[in-house]
Amino acid sequence: MSARELEDGYRRAYRDFYRWGAILRGAGSKLTLRGKARHAAYAGGWKKFEPAWDLAIRAKQAGRALPLLETILSGFGTRPAARGGRATG
């Protein structure tokens, strides 16, 4: 196997493993709705936006994005949904 074949195989496996269907299937294995949402948000947010994360890391700006990501992930399932589909004050 050549280096090119190995790299192509890696990229194909990576794409297959992190497609939305696989991410959602993994989220479905979690026991709670909060766990499902956290898994989908984390895996989707990290793997589907990896080029943006790579850019932030290379620009040494990932530290600025982490508090926002942690806030979003920690908020899943901590507040009940508002009645009637509207947010409450």
Protein backbone atom coordinates (compact mmCIF):
# COMPACT_ATOMS: atom_id res chain seq x y z
CA MET A 1 0.00 0.00 0.00
CA SER A 2 1.36 3.37 -0.94
CA ALA A 3 1.33 6.41 1.31
CA ARG A 4 -1.26 7.98 -1.00
CA GLU A 5 -3.57 4.93 -0.74
CA LEU A 6 -3.23 4.96 3.03
CA GLU A 7 -4.07 8.65 3.23
CA ASP A 8 -7.04 8.26 0.87
CA GLY A 9 -8.35 5.35 2.95
CA TYR A 10 -7.97 7.34 6.15
CA ARG A 11 -9.89 10.28 4.69
CA ARG A 12 -12.66 8.02 3.40
CA ALA A 13 -12.99 6.26 6.78
CA TYR A 14 -12.99 9.61 8.59
CA ARG A 15 -15.73 10.97 6.31
CA ASP A 16 -17.85 7.84 6.79
CA PHE A 17 -17.38 7.75 10.55
CA TYR A 18 -18.26 11.41 11.06
CA ARG A 19 -21.17 11.77 8.63
CA TRP A 20 -24.34 13.19 10.19
CA GLY A 21 -26.09 9.82 10.18
CA ALA A 22 -23.27 8.28 12.22
CA ILE A 23 -23.19 11.23 14.64
CA LEU A 24 -26.95 11.03 15.17
CA ARG A 25 -26.82 7.25 15.59
CA GLY A 26 -24.17 7.72 18.27
CA ALA A 27 -26.32 10.36 19.96
CA GLY A 28 -29.24 7.93 19.89
CA SER A 29 -27.27 5.50 22.04
CA LYS A 30 -27.34 7.94 24.97
CA LEU A 31 -29.93 7.28 27.65
CA THR A 32 -31.25 10.81 28.21
CA LEU A 33 -32.37 13.58 25.90
CA ARG A 34 -29.68 15.77 27.43
CA GLY A 35 -27.05 13.14 26.67
CA LYS A 36 -28.30 12.81 23.10
CA ALA A 37 -28.22 16.59 22.58
CA ARG A 38 -24.78 16.94 24.12
CA HIS A 39 -23.35 14.15 21.98
CA ALA A 40 -24.82 15.57 18.76
CA ALA A 41 -23.67 19.10 19.61
CA TYR A 42 -20.18 18.05 20.60
CA ALA A 43 -19.54 15.60 17.76
CA GLY A 44 -21.22 17.80 15.18
CA GLY A 45 -19.65 20.99 16.49
CA TRP A 46 -16.19 19.51 16.60
CA LYS A 47 -16.08 17.21 13.59
CA LYS A 48 -18.31 19.05 11.12
CA PHE A 49 -16.61 22.36 11.79
CA GLU A 50 -13.11 20.95 12.12
CA PRO A 51 -11.62 23.29 9.46
CA ALA A 52 -12.80 26.30 11.52
CA TRP A 53 -11.39 24.77 14.72
CA ASP A 54 -8.11 24.04 12.93
CA LEU A 55 -7.91 27.67 11.85
CA ALA A 56 -8.64 28.88 15.41
CA ILE A 57 -6.01 26.53 16.83
CA ARG A 58 -3.38 27.60 14.30
CA ALA A 59 -4.18 31.26 14.99
CA LYS A 60 -3.83 30.50 18.73
CA GLN A 61 -7.42 31.66 19.32
CA ALA A 62 -9.00 28.38 20.47
CA GLY A 63 -8.92 29.55 24.07
CA ARG A 64 -11.36 32.31 23.17
CA ALA A 65 -13.83 29.85 21.65
CA LEU A 66 -13.71 27.23 24.41
CA PRO A 67 -15.74 29.18 27.02
CA LEU A 68 -18.55 29.61 24.49
CA LEU A 69 -18.49 25.93 23.56
CA GLU A 70 -18.45 24.87 27.22
CA THR A 71 -21.38 27.19 27.99
CA ILE A 72 -23.42 25.76 25.13
CA LEU A 73 -22.67 22.15 26.06
CA SER A 74 -23.29 22.63 29.78
CA GLY A 75 -26.67 24.25 29.07
CA PHE A 76 -28.23 21.26 27.32
CA GLY A 77 -31.09 19.92 29.39
CA THR A 78 -30.62 22.22 32.36
CA ARG A 79 -33.72 24.32 31.74
CA PRO A 80 -37.15 23.00 30.82
CA ALA A 81 -38.52 24.04 27.46
CA ALA A 82 -40.85 27.03 27.50
CA ARG A 83 -44.55 26.29 26.99
CA GLY A 84 -46.02 27.21 23.62
CA GLY A 85 -42.61 27.20 21.96
CA ARG A 86 -41.75 30.67 23.22
CA ALA A 87 -38.84 31.57 25.42
CA THR A 88 -39.69 33.11 28.73
CA GLY A 89 -37.98 36.03 30.41
